[in-house]
């Protein structure tokens, strides 16, 4: 059972902060915003598929 006081019970906010950091780092490294966003989407998709399989 989740803690009713937890403002981020599913970790969504923490995940979004992580994805924002990936995006920012990629742009700073010289990738275009489009390329950086594609990296974030690839990461999100991999996490979603891993979660659906019950794996990592």
C-alpha atoms as a PDB file:
ATOM      1  CA  UNK A   1       0.000   0.000   0.000  1.00  0.00           C
ATOM      2  CA  UNK A   2       1.341   3.431  -0.906  1.00  0.00           C
ATOM      3  CA  UNK A   3       1.863   6.218   1.587  1.00  0.00           C
ATOM      4  CA  UNK A   4      -0.959   8.777   1.213  1.00  0.00           C
ATOM      5  CA  UNK A   5       1.522  11.514   2.145  1.00  0.00           C
ATOM      6  CA  UNK A   6       3.859  10.628  -0.739  1.00  0.00           C
ATOM      7  CA  UNK A   7       3.450  13.345  -3.407  1.00  0.00           C
ATOM      8  CA  UNK A   8       4.926  11.051  -6.090  1.00  0.00           C
ATOM      9  CA  UNK A   9       3.710   7.512  -5.280  1.00  0.00           C
ATOM     10  CA  UNK A  10       4.465   6.088  -8.737  1.00  0.00           C
ATOM     11  CA  UNK A  11       7.790   7.844  -9.175  1.00  0.00           C
ATOM     12  CA  UNK A  12       6.475   9.779 -12.176  1.00  0.00           C
ATOM     13  CA  UNK A  13       7.904  13.125 -11.081  1.00  0.00           C
ATOM     14  CA  UNK A  14      11.300  11.556 -10.382  1.00  0.00           C
ATOM     15  CA  UNK A  15      11.244   9.898 -13.801  1.00  0.00           C
ATOM     16  CA  UNK A  16      10.391  13.158 -15.548  1.00  0.00           C
ATOM     17  CA  UNK A  17      13.260  14.923 -13.771  1.00  0.00           C
ATOM     18  CA  UNK A  18      15.572  12.162 -14.995  1.00  0.00           C
ATOM     19  CA  UNK A  19      14.312  12.445 -18.566  1.00  0.00           C
ATOM     20  CA  UNK A  20      14.728  16.221 -18.466  1.00  0.00           C
ATOM     21  CA  UNK A  21      18.345  15.716 -17.411  1.00  0.00           C
ATOM     22  CA  UNK A  22      18.912  13.333 -20.338  1.00  0.00           C
ATOM     23  CA  UNK A  23      17.418  15.923 -22.699  1.00  0.00           C
ATOM     24  CA  UNK A  24      19.473  18.794 -21.268  1.00  0.00           C
ATOM     25  CA  UNK A  25      22.708  16.804 -21.282  1.00  0.00           C
ATOM     26  CA  UNK A  26      22.208  15.652 -24.862  1.00  0.00           C
ATOM     27  CA  UNK A  27      21.555  19.200 -26.093  1.00  0.00           C
ATOM     28  CA  UNK A  28      24.633  20.460 -24.224  1.00  0.00           C
ATOM     29  CA  UNK A  29      26.658  17.670 -25.838  1.00  0.00           C
ATOM     30  CA  UNK A  30      25.745  18.990 -29.276  1.00  0.00           C
ATOM     31  CA  UNK A  31      22.755  16.894 -30.286  1.00  0.00           C
ATOM     32  CA  UNK A  32      19.782  18.664 -31.812  1.00  0.00           C
ATOM     33  CA  UNK A  33      16.650  18.973 -29.700  1.00  0.00           C
ATOM     34  CA  UNK A  34      14.948  16.472 -32.036  1.00  0.00           C
ATOM     35  CA  UNK A  35      17.749  13.919 -31.569  1.00  0.00           C
ATOM     36  CA  UNK A  36      17.762  14.483 -27.812  1.00  0.00           C
ATOM     37  CA  UNK A  37      13.993  14.021 -27.588  1.00  0.00           C
ATOM     38  CA  UNK A  38      14.301  10.779 -29.574  1.00  0.00           C
ATOM     39  CA  UNK A  39      16.799   9.553 -26.954  1.00  0.00           C
ATOM     40  CA  UNK A  40      14.332  10.351 -24.178  1.00  0.00           C
ATOM     41  CA  UNK A  41      11.508   8.554 -26.010  1.00  0.00           C
ATOM     42  CA  UNK A  42      13.733   5.518 -26.538  1.00  0.00           C
ATOM     43  CA  UNK A  43      14.497   5.467 -22.812  1.00  0.00           C
ATOM     44  CA  UNK A  44      10.819   5.839 -21.878  1.00  0.00           C
ATOM     45  CA  UNK A  45       9.836   3.051 -24.278  1.00  0.00           C
ATOM     46  CA  UNK A  46      12.522   0.725 -22.909  1.00  0.00           C
ATOM     47  CA  UNK A  47      11.361   1.347 -19.337  1.00  0.00           C
ATOM     48  CA  UNK A  48       7.719   0.820 -20.287  1.00  0.00           C
ATOM     49  CA  UNK A  49       8.465  -2.437 -22.095  1.00  0.00           C
ATOM     50  CA  UNK A  50      10.656  -3.644 -19.246  1.00  0.00           C
ATOM     51  CA  UNK A  51       7.919  -2.862 -16.750  1.00  0.00           C
ATOM     52  CA  UNK A  52       5.289  -4.615 -18.846  1.00  0.00           C
ATOM     53  CA  UNK A  53       7.440  -7.757 -18.910  1.00  0.00           C
ATOM     54  CA  UNK A  54       8.107  -7.486 -15.202  1.00  0.00           C
ATOM     55  CA  UNK A  55      11.810  -7.159 -15.927  1.00  0.00           C
ATOM     56  CA  UNK A  56      14.274  -4.337 -15.810  1.00  0.00           C
END
